[in-house]
Amino acid sequence: MNRFVYLRTHKRQRMTVSLPTDLLERVRDAAYWMPGTTMAGLISSALEGFLTKLESQNGRPFSPRLQDLKPGRPRTIKPSDTPVSEDIQPVSSRIRA
């Protein structure tokens, strides 16, 4: 009996991602040694389980996106770009000479 839950939706969409080589090899090995299992099925089941866990930690499902995701890698925020609360005043403005 297959232990994995396969997501059967009316619509499926292709997604291309880069994965670490060792992880990809593990997925290939698992799909090979589990009759009737596909890599797509393994990945779908893993993502479904992980998202269910994240939503549980969040207390509810995530709200729909307000806009499309930007393509490419996320840019890192430099310390100087980090937004600072307007309630925080620089220490130097409080120091009396």
PDB file of N, CA and C in Angstrom:
ATOM      1  N   MET A   1       0.840  -1.185   0.000  1.00  0.00           N
ATOM      2  CA  MET A   1       0.000   0.000   0.000  1.00  0.00           C
ATOM      3  C   MET A   1       0.880   1.240   0.000  1.00  0.00           C
ATOM      4  N   ASN A   2       0.523   2.216  -0.786  1.00  0.00           N
ATOM      5  CA  ASN A   2       1.315   3.433  -0.879  1.00  0.00           C
ATOM      6  C   ASN A   2       1.009   4.346   0.304  1.00  0.00           C
ATOM      7  N   ARG A   3       2.044   4.794   1.016  1.00  0.00           N
ATOM      8  CA  ARG A   3       1.865   5.619   2.207  1.00  0.00           C
ATOM      9  C   ARG A   3       1.671   7.088   1.870  1.00  0.00           C
ATOM     10  N   PHE A   4       1.953   7.497   0.669  1.00  0.00           N
ATOM     11  CA  PHE A   4       1.948   8.907   0.324  1.00  0.00           C
ATOM     12  C   PHE A   4       0.591   9.352  -0.197  1.00  0.00           C
ATOM     13  N   VAL A   5       0.202  10.531   0.214  1.00  0.00           N
ATOM     14  CA  VAL A   5      -1.045  11.124  -0.258  1.00  0.00           C
ATOM     15  C   VAL A   5      -0.723  11.881  -1.538  1.00  0.00           C
ATOM     16  N   TYR A   6      -1.415  11.559  -2.583  1.00  0.00           N
ATOM     17  CA  TYR A   6      -1.197  12.256  -3.845  1.00  0.00           C
ATOM     18  C   TYR A   6      -2.289  13.284  -4.029  1.00  0.00           C
ATOM     19  N   LEU A   7      -1.876  14.471  -4.348  1.00  0.00           N
ATOM     20  CA  LEU A   7      -2.828  15.548  -4.532  1.00  0.00           C
ATOM     21  C   LEU A   7      -3.436  15.443  -5.919  1.00  0.00           C
ATOM     22  N   ARG A   8      -4.719  15.264  -5.976  1.00  0.00           N
ATOM     23  CA  ARG A   8      -5.417  15.171  -7.251  1.00  0.00           C
ATOM     24  C   ARG A   8      -6.249  16.429  -7.409  1.00  0.00           C
ATOM     25  N   THR A   9      -5.734  17.367  -8.113  1.00  0.00           N
ATOM     26  CA  THR A   9      -6.484  18.585  -8.373  1.00  0.00           C
ATOM     27  C   THR A   9      -6.857  18.606  -9.837  1.00  0.00           C
ATOM     28  N   HIS A  10      -7.821  19.408 -10.158  1.00  0.00           N
ATOM     29  CA  HIS A  10      -8.225  19.524 -11.547  1.00  0.00           C
ATOM     30  C   HIS A  10      -7.142  20.207 -12.367  1.00  0.00           C
ATOM     31  N   LYS A  11      -6.425  21.081 -11.727  1.00  0.00           N
ATOM     32  CA  LYS A  11      -5.400  21.847 -12.428  1.00  0.00           C
ATOM     33  C   LYS A  11      -4.036  21.553 -11.822  1.00  0.00           C
ATOM     34  N   ARG A  12      -3.085  21.346 -12.673  1.00  0.00           N
ATOM     35  CA  ARG A  12      -1.705  21.182 -12.208  1.00  0.00           C
ATOM     36  C   ARG A  12      -0.856  22.171 -12.967  1.00  0.00           C
ATOM     37  N   GLN A  13       0.207  22.617 -12.335  1.00  0.00           N
ATOM     38  CA  GLN A  13       1.071  23.603 -12.965  1.00  0.00           C
ATOM     39  C   GLN A  13       2.520  23.189 -12.759  1.00  0.00           C
ATOM     40  N   ARG A  14       3.300  23.337 -13.793  1.00  0.00           N
ATOM     41  CA  ARG A  14       4.712  22.993 -13.720  1.00  0.00           C
ATOM     42  C   ARG A  14       5.468  24.097 -12.976  1.00  0.00           C
ATOM     43  N   MET A  15       6.438  23.676 -12.155  1.00  0.00           N
ATOM     44  CA  MET A  15       7.265  24.618 -11.404  1.00  0.00           C
ATOM     45  C   MET A  15       8.704  24.127 -11.480  1.00  0.00           C
ATOM     46  N   THR A  16       9.605  25.003 -11.796  1.00  0.00           N
ATOM     47  CA  THR A  16      11.013  24.640 -11.889  1.00  0.00           C
ATOM     48  C   THR A  16      11.754  25.226 -10.698  1.00  0.00           C
ATOM     49  N   VAL A  17      12.463  24.380  -9.969  1.00  0.00           N
ATOM     50  CA  VAL A  17      13.252  24.823  -8.819  1.00  0.00           C
ATOM     51  C   VAL A  17      14.621  24.162  -8.873  1.00  0.00           C
ATOM     52  N   SER A  18      15.574  24.792  -8.246  1.00  0.00           N
ATOM     53  CA  SER A  18      16.907  24.200  -8.096  1.00  0.00           C
ATOM     54  C   SER A  18      17.000  23.632  -6.688  1.00  0.00           C
ATOM     55  N   LEU A  19      17.376  22.373  -6.601  1.00  0.00           N
ATOM     56  CA  LEU A  19      17.493  21.700  -5.313  1.00  0.00           C
ATOM     57  C   LEU A  19      18.922  21.236  -5.113  1.00  0.00           C
ATOM     58  N   PRO A  20      19.349  21.098  -3.851  1.00  0.00           N
ATOM     59  CA  PRO A  20      20.674  20.539  -3.603  1.00  0.00           C
ATOM     60  C   PRO A  20      20.768  19.138  -4.213  1.00  0.00           C
ATOM     61  N   THR A  21      21.899  18.832  -4.806  1.00  0.00           N
ATOM     62  CA  THR A  21      22.094  17.562  -5.502  1.00  0.00           C
ATOM     63  C   THR A  21      21.813  16.363  -4.605  1.00  0.00           C
ATOM     64  N   ASP A  22      22.291  16.399  -3.356  1.00  0.00           N
ATOM     65  CA  ASP A  22      22.088  15.249  -2.472  1.00  0.00           C
ATOM     66  C   ASP A  22      20.604  15.051  -2.144  1.00  0.00           C
ATOM     67  N   LEU A  23      19.854  16.125  -2.003  1.00  0.00           N
ATOM     68  CA  LEU A  23      18.419  16.006  -1.758  1.00  0.00           C
ATOM     69  C   LEU A  23      17.704  15.423  -2.974  1.00  0.00           C
ATOM     70  N   LEU A  24      18.055  15.899  -4.143  1.00  0.00           N
ATOM     71  CA  LEU A  24      17.453  15.395  -5.375  1.00  0.00           C
ATOM     72  C   LEU A  24      17.748  13.905  -5.555  1.00  0.00           C
ATOM     73  N   GLU A  25      18.960  13.487  -5.241  1.00  0.00           N
ATOM     74  CA  GLU A  25      19.310  12.065  -5.340  1.00  0.00           C
ATOM     75  C   GLU A  25      18.499  11.229  -4.357  1.00  0.00           C
ATOM     76  N   ARG A  26      18.263  11.750  -3.161  1.00  0.00           N
ATOM     77  CA  ARG A  26      17.453  11.030  -2.175  1.00  0.00           C
ATOM     78  C   ARG A  26      16.019  10.870  -2.661  1.00  0.00           C
ATOM     79  N   VAL A  27      15.485  11.912  -3.288  1.00  0.00           N
ATOM     80  CA  VAL A  27      14.123  11.831  -3.832  1.00  0.00           C
ATOM     81  C   VAL A  27      14.075  10.796  -4.949  1.00  0.00           C
ATOM     82  N   ARG A  28      15.067  10.810  -5.819  1.00  0.00           N
ATOM     83  CA  ARG A  28      15.121   9.833  -6.915  1.00  0.00           C
ATOM     84  C   ARG A  28      15.201   8.408  -6.371  1.00  0.00           C
ATOM     85  N   ASP A  29      16.052   8.212  -5.351  1.00  0.00           N
ATOM     86  CA  ASP A  29      16.190   6.886  -4.746  1.00  0.00           C
ATOM     87  C   ASP A  29      14.868   6.422  -4.137  1.00  0.00           C
ATOM     88  N   ALA A  30      14.188   7.321  -3.422  1.00  0.00           N
ATOM     89  CA  ALA A  30      12.910   6.957  -2.799  1.00  0.00           C
ATOM     90  C   ALA A  30      11.876   6.591  -3.860  1.00  0.00           C
ATOM     91  N   ALA A  31      11.799   7.371  -4.928  1.00  0.00           N
ATOM     92  CA  ALA A  31      10.839   7.082  -6.003  1.00  0.00           C
ATOM     93  C   ALA A  31      11.163   5.752  -6.672  1.00  0.00           C
ATOM     94  N   TYR A  32      12.440   5.450  -6.808  1.00  0.00           N
ATOM     95  CA  TYR A  32      12.865   4.200  -7.447  1.00  0.00           C
ATOM     96  C   TYR A  32      12.463   2.992  -6.601  1.00  0.00           C
ATOM     97  N   TRP A  33      12.710   3.074  -5.282  1.00  0.00           N
ATOM     98  CA  TRP A  33      12.508   1.923  -4.413  1.00  0.00           C
ATOM     99  C   TRP A  33      11.079   1.770  -3.897  1.00  0.00           C
ATOM    100  N   MET A  34      10.204   2.710  -4.169  1.00  0.00           N
ATOM    101  CA  MET A  34       8.808   2.603  -3.731  1.00  0.00           C
ATOM    102  C   MET A  34       7.924   2.450  -4.957  1.00  0.00           C
ATOM    103  N   PRO A  35       7.510   1.228  -5.258  1.00  0.00           N
ATOM    104  CA  PRO A  35       6.701   0.989  -6.460  1.00  0.00           C
ATOM    105  C   PRO A  35       5.454   1.875  -6.493  1.00  0.00           C
ATOM    106  N   GLY A  36       5.192   2.438  -7.657  1.00  0.00           N
ATOM    107  CA  GLY A  36       4.015   3.282  -7.829  1.00  0.00           C
ATOM    108  C   GLY A  36       4.199   4.714  -7.374  1.00  0.00           C
ATOM    109  N   THR A  37       5.386   5.023  -6.874  1.00  0.00           N
ATOM    110  CA  THR A  37       5.657   6.376  -6.394  1.00  0.00           C
ATOM    111  C   THR A  37       6.408   7.151  -7.463  1.00  0.00           C
ATOM    112  N   THR A  38       6.048   8.399  -7.613  1.00  0.00           N
ATOM    113  CA  THR A  38       6.762   9.268  -8.553  1.00  0.00           C
ATOM    114  C   THR A  38       7.464  10.371  -7.775  1.00  0.00           C
ATOM    115  N   MET A  39       8.436  10.988  -8.419  1.00  0.00           N
ATOM    116  CA  MET A  39       9.108  12.124  -7.783  1.00  0.00           C
ATOM    117  C   MET A  39       8.112  13.253  -7.539  1.00  0.00           C
ATOM    118  N   ALA A  40       7.240  13.501  -8.505  1.00  0.00           N
ATOM    119  CA  ALA A  40       6.236  14.564  -8.346  1.00  0.00           C
ATOM    120  C   ALA A  40       5.323  14.271  -7.157  1.00  0.00           C
ATOM    121  N   GLY A  41       4.943  13.008  -6.995  1.00  0.00           N
ATOM    122  CA  GLY A  41       4.097  12.632  -5.870  1.00  0.00           C
ATOM    123  C   GLY A  41       4.795  12.821  -4.536  1.00  0.00           C
ATOM    124  N   LEU A  42       6.059  12.417  -4.467  1.00  0.00           N
ATOM    125  CA  LEU A  42       6.832  12.602  -3.238  1.00  0.00           C
ATOM    126  C   LEU A  42       6.952  14.081  -2.883  1.00  0.00           C
ATOM    127  N   ILE A  43       7.281  14.892  -3.870  1.00  0.00           N
ATOM    128  CA  ILE A  43       7.474  16.326  -3.633  1.00  0.00           C
ATOM    129  C   ILE A  43       6.153  16.984  -3.246  1.00  0.00           C
ATOM    130  N   SER A  44       5.055  16.626  -3.920  1.00  0.00           N
ATOM    131  CA  SER A  44       3.737  17.179  -3.575  1.00  0.00           C
ATOM    132  C   SER A  44       3.353  16.831  -2.142  1.00  0.00           C
ATOM    133  N   SER A  45       3.562  15.578  -1.761  1.00  0.00           N
ATOM    134  CA  SER A  45       3.233  15.146  -0.397  1.00  0.00           C
ATOM    135  C   SER A  45       4.080  15.879   0.635  1.00  0.00           C
ATOM    136  N   ALA A  46       5.364  16.034   0.339  1.00  0.00           N
ATOM    137  CA  ALA A  46       6.262  16.721   1.267  1.00  0.00           C
ATOM    138  C   ALA A  46       5.864  18.189   1.423  1.00  0.00           C
ATOM    139  N   LEU A  47       5.562  18.850   0.314  1.00  0.00           N
ATOM    140  CA  LEU A  47       5.153  20.256   0.378  1.00  0.00           C
ATOM    141  C   LEU A  47       3.831  20.410   1.120  1.00  0.00           C
ATOM    142  N   GLU A  48       2.892  19.519   0.849  1.00  0.00           N
ATOM    143  CA  GLU A  48       1.590  19.574   1.532  1.00  0.00           C
ATOM    144  C   GLU A  48       1.769  19.428   3.038  1.00  0.00           C
ATOM    145  N   GLY A  49       2.590  18.465   3.459  1.00  0.00           N
ATOM    146  CA  GLY A  49       2.843  18.267   4.886  1.00  0.00           C
ATOM    147  C   GLY A  49       3.541  19.451   5.521  1.00  0.00           C
ATOM    148  N   PHE A  50       4.521  20.009   4.829  1.00  0.00           N
ATOM    149  CA  PHE A  50       5.266  21.145   5.361  1.00  0.00           C
ATOM    150  C   PHE A  50       4.372  22.377   5.478  1.00  0.00           C
ATOM    151  N   LEU A  51       3.554  22.638   4.449  1.00  0.00           N
ATOM    152  CA  LEU A  51       2.657  23.797   4.495  1.00  0.00           C
ATOM    153  C   LEU A  51       1.590  23.636   5.579  1.00  0.00           C
ATOM    154  N   THR A  52       1.106  22.422   5.770  1.00  0.00           N
ATOM    155  CA  THR A  52       0.141  22.169   6.844  1.00  0.00           C
ATOM    156  C   THR A  52       0.766  22.492   8.192  1.00  0.00           C
ATOM    157  N   LYS A  53       2.024  22.112   8.384  1.00  0.00           N
ATOM    158  CA  LYS A  53       2.739  22.407   9.627  1.00  0.00           C
ATOM    159  C   LYS A  53       2.921  23.915   9.802  1.00  0.00           C
ATOM    160  N   LEU A  54       3.334  24.616   8.739  1.00  0.00           N
ATOM    161  CA  LEU A  54       3.508  26.071   8.817  1.00  0.00           C
ATOM    162  C   LEU A  54       2.185  26.772   9.139  1.00  0.00           C
ATOM    163  N   GLU A  55       1.105  26.321   8.500  1.00  0.00           N
ATOM    164  CA  GLU A  55      -0.206  26.928   8.751  1.00  0.00           C
ATOM    165  C   GLU A  55      -0.659  26.668  10.186  1.00  0.00           C
ATOM    166  N   SER A  56      -0.331  25.504  10.714  1.00  0.00           N
ATOM    167  CA  SER A  56      -0.659  25.192  12.100  1.00  0.00           C
ATOM    168  C   SER A  56       0.106  26.112  13.045  1.00  0.00           C
ATOM    169  N   GLN A  57       1.390  26.315  12.774  1.00  0.00           N
ATOM    170  CA  GLN A  57       2.196  27.221  13.589  1.00  0.00           C
ATOM    171  C   GLN A  57       1.691  28.657  13.467  1.00  0.00           C
ATOM    172  N   ASN A  58       1.192  29.017  12.294  1.00  0.00           N
ATOM    173  CA  ASN A  58       0.670  30.360  12.038  1.00  0.00           C
ATOM    174  C   ASN A  58      -0.708  30.555  12.680  1.00  0.00           C
ATOM    175  N   GLY A  59      -1.369  29.450  13.020  1.00  0.00           N
ATOM    176  CA  GLY A  59      -2.689  29.527  13.624  1.00  0.00           C
ATOM    177  C   GLY A  59      -3.822  29.505  12.616  1.00  0.00           C
ATOM    178  N   ARG A  60      -3.510  29.592  11.351  1.00  0.00           N
ATOM    179  CA  ARG A  60      -4.508  29.579  10.282  1.00  0.00           C
ATOM    180  C   ARG A  60      -3.781  29.527   8.949  1.00  0.00           C
ATOM    181  N   PRO A  61      -4.503  29.216   7.877  1.00  0.00           N
ATOM    182  CA  PRO A  61      -3.860  29.262   6.557  1.00  0.00           C
ATOM    183  C   PRO A  61      -3.395  30.683   6.240  1.00  0.00           C
ATOM    184  N   PHE A  62      -2.368  30.790   5.457  1.00  0.00           N
ATOM    185  CA  PHE A  62      -1.858  32.100   5.076  1.00  0.00           C
ATOM    186  C   PHE A  62      -2.859  32.805   4.169  1.00  0.00           C
ATOM    187  N   SER A  63      -2.949  34.111   4.311  1.00  0.00           N
ATOM    188  CA  SER A  63      -3.836  34.906   3.458  1.00  0.00           C
ATOM    189  C   SER A  63      -3.309  34.891   2.034  1.00  0.00           C
ATOM    190  N   PRO A  64      -4.199  35.088   1.060  1.00  0.00           N
ATOM    191  CA  PRO A  64      -3.731  35.164  -0.333  1.00  0.00           C
ATOM    192  C   PRO A  64      -2.758  36.328  -0.519  1.00  0.00           C
ATOM    193  N   ARG A  65      -1.848  36.160  -1.461  1.00  0.00           N
ATOM    194  CA  ARG A  65      -0.862  37.204  -1.755  1.00  0.00           C
ATOM    195  C   ARG A  65      -1.563  38.483  -2.195  1.00  0.00           C
ATOM    196  N   LEU A  66      -0.978  39.616  -1.856  1.00  0.00           N
ATOM    197  CA  LEU A  66      -1.505  40.903  -2.298  1.00  0.00           C
ATOM    198  C   LEU A  66      -0.974  41.275  -3.675  1.00  0.00           C
ATOM    199  N   GLN A  67       0.138  40.649  -4.057  1.00  0.00           N
ATOM    200  CA  GLN A  67       0.730  40.898  -5.372  1.00  0.00           C
ATOM    201  C   GLN A  67       1.544  39.676  -5.772  1.00  0.00           C
ATOM    202  N   ASP A  68       1.928  39.623  -7.028  1.00  0.00           N
ATOM    203  CA  ASP A  68       2.754  38.515  -7.503  1.00  0.00           C
ATOM    204  C   ASP A  68       4.115  38.552  -6.819  1.00  0.00           C
ATOM    205  N   LEU A  69       4.706  37.378  -6.650  1.00  0.00           N
ATOM    206  CA  LEU A  69       6.062  37.307  -6.118  1.00  0.00           C
ATOM    207  C   LEU A  69       7.025  37.839  -7.161  1.00  0.00           C
ATOM    208  N   LYS A  70       8.096  38.458  -6.687  1.00  0.00           N
ATOM    209  CA  LYS A  70       9.111  38.937  -7.615  1.00  0.00           C
ATOM    210  C   LYS A  70       9.946  37.749  -8.069  1.00  0.00           C
ATOM    211  N   PRO A  71      10.262  37.674  -9.360  1.00  0.00           N
ATOM    212  CA  PRO A  71      11.069  36.546  -9.837  1.00  0.00           C
ATOM    213  C   PRO A  71      12.512  36.657  -9.352  1.00  0.00           C
ATOM    214  N   GLY A  72      13.178  35.515  -9.294  1.00  0.00           N
ATOM    215  CA  GLY A  72      14.590  35.499  -8.917  1.00  0.00           C
ATOM    216  C   GLY A  72      14.789  35.324  -7.424  1.00  0.00           C
ATOM    217  N   ARG A  73      16.036  35.413  -7.036  1.00  0.00           N
ATOM    218  CA  ARG A  73      16.396  35.255  -5.629  1.00  0.00           C
ATOM    219  C   ARG A  73      16.014  36.503  -4.844  1.00  0.00           C
ATOM    220  N   PRO A  74      15.611  36.309  -3.578  1.00  0.00           N
ATOM    221  CA  PRO A  74      15.312  37.491  -2.771  1.00  0.00           C
ATOM    222  C   PRO A  74      16.592  38.258  -2.462  1.00  0.00           C
ATOM    223  N   ARG A  75      16.503  39.561  -2.505  1.00  0.00           N
ATOM    224  CA  ARG A  75      17.660  40.390  -2.178  1.00  0.00           C
ATOM    225  C   ARG A  75      17.796  40.452  -0.670  1.00  0.00           C
ATOM    226  N   THR A  76      19.030  40.395  -0.191  1.00  0.00           N
ATOM    227  CA  THR A  76      19.250  40.473   1.248  1.00  0.00           C
ATOM    228  C   THR A  76      19.127  41.923   1.692  1.00  0.00           C
ATOM    229  N   ILE A  77      18.629  42.108   2.902  1.00  0.00           N
ATOM    230  CA  ILE A  77      18.491  43.451   3.448  1.00  0.00           C
ATOM    231  C   ILE A  77      19.780  43.797   4.174  1.00  0.00           C
ATOM    232  N   LYS A  78      20.397  44.887   3.761  1.00  0.00           N
ATOM    233  CA  LYS A  78      21.608  45.353   4.428  1.00  0.00           C
ATOM    234  C   LYS A  78      21.191  46.039   5.725  1.00  0.00           C
ATOM    235  N   PRO A  79      22.056  45.999   6.749  1.00  0.00           N
ATOM    236  CA  PRO A  79      21.695  46.637   8.023  1.00  0.00           C
ATOM    237  C   PRO A  79      21.272  48.098   7.854  1.00  0.00           C
ATOM    238  N   SER A  80      21.883  48.827   6.928  1.00  0.00           N
ATOM    239  CA  SER A  80      21.531  50.234   6.736  1.00  0.00           C
ATOM    240  C   SER A  80      20.161  50.381   6.081  1.00  0.00           C
ATOM    241  N   ASP A  81      19.682  49.330   5.411  1.00  0.00           N
ATOM    242  CA  ASP A  81      18.379  49.371   4.747  1.00  0.00           C
ATOM    243  C   ASP A  81      17.246  48.926   5.669  1.00  0.00           C
ATOM    244  N   THR A  82      17.594  48.427   6.846  1.00  0.00           N
ATOM    245  CA  THR A  82      16.582  47.920   7.753  1.00  0.00           C
ATOM    246  C   THR A  82      15.719  49.072   8.248  1.00  0.00           C
ATOM    247  N   PRO A  83      14.401  48.957   8.096  1.00  0.00           N
ATOM    248  CA  PRO A  83      13.543  50.041   8.567  1.00  0.00           C
ATOM    249  C   PRO A  83      13.613  50.173  10.080  1.00  0.00           C
ATOM    250  N   VAL A  84      13.628  51.391  10.546  1.00  0.00           N
ATOM    251  CA  VAL A  84      13.690  51.671  11.973  1.00  0.00           C
ATOM    252  C   VAL A  84      12.377  52.318  12.372  1.00  0.00           C
ATOM    253  N   SER A  85      11.860  51.915  13.502  1.00  0.00           N
ATOM    254  CA  SER A  85      10.609  52.483  13.982  1.00  0.00           C
ATOM    255  C   SER A  85      10.769  53.973  14.229  1.00  0.00           C
ATOM    256  N   GLU A  86       9.709  54.734  13.936  1.00  0.00           N
ATOM    257  CA  GLU A  86       9.757  56.176  14.171  1.00  0.00           C
ATOM    258  C   GLU A  86       9.790  56.482  15.661  1.00  0.00           C
ATOM    259  N   ASP A  87       9.404  55.518  16.499  1.00  0.00           N
ATOM    260  CA  ASP A  87       9.405  55.729  17.944  1.00  0.00           C
ATOM    261  C   ASP A  87      10.807  55.691  18.529  1.00  0.00           C
ATOM    262  N   ILE A  88      11.756  55.135  17.789  1.00  0.00           N
ATOM    263  CA  ILE A  88      13.122  55.015  18.291  1.00  0.00           C
ATOM    264  C   ILE A  88      13.889  56.276  17.926  1.00  0.00           C
ATOM    265  N   GLN A  89      14.445  56.914  18.931  1.00  0.00           N
ATOM    266  CA  GLN A  89      15.222  58.134  18.716  1.00  0.00           C
ATOM    267  C   GLN A  89      16.697  57.786  18.844  1.00  0.00           C
ATOM    268  N   PRO A  90      17.552  58.401  18.032  1.00  0.00           N
ATOM    269  CA  PRO A  90      18.983  58.138  18.158  1.00  0.00           C
ATOM    270  C   PRO A  90      19.476  58.513  19.554  1.00  0.00           C
ATOM    271  N   VAL A  91      20.365  57.706  20.104  1.00  0.00           N
ATOM    272  CA  VAL A  91      20.907  57.958  21.433  1.00  0.00           C
ATOM    273  C   VAL A  91      21.668  59.275  21.454  1.00  0.00           C
ATOM    274  N   SER A  92      22.373  59.607  20.383  1.00  0.00           N
ATOM    275  CA  SER A  92      23.200  60.815  20.361  1.00  0.00           C
ATOM    276  C   SER A  92      22.371  62.082  20.552  1.00  0.00           C
ATOM    277  N   SER A  93      21.082  62.079  20.228  1.00  0.00           N
ATOM    278  CA  SER A  93      20.259  63.279  20.398  1.00  0.00           C
ATOM    279  C   SER A  93      19.909  63.513  21.864  1.00  0.00           C
ATOM    280  N   ARG A  94      20.099  62.493  22.702  1.00  0.00           N
ATOM    281  CA  ARG A  94      19.780  62.644  24.122  1.00  0.00           C
ATOM    282  C   ARG A  94      21.019  62.925  24.972  1.00  0.00           C
ATOM    283  N   ILE A  95      22.178  62.819  24.399  1.00  0.00           N
ATOM    284  CA  ILE A  95      23.415  63.024  25.157  1.00  0.00           C
ATOM    285  C   ILE A  95      23.716  64.513  25.223  1.00  0.00           C
ATOM    286  N   ARG A  96      23.910  65.007  26.432  1.00  0.00           N
ATOM    287  CA  ARG A  96      24.247  66.419  26.610  1.00  0.00           C
ATOM    288  C   ARG A  96      25.745  66.565  26.760  1.00  0.00           C
ATOM    289  N   ALA A  97      26.284  67.563  26.123  1.00  0.00           N
ATOM    290  CA  ALA A  97      27.736  67.784  26.160  1.00  0.00           C
ATOM    291  C   ALA A  97      28.158  68.504  27.405  1.00  0.00           C
TER     292      ALA A  97
END
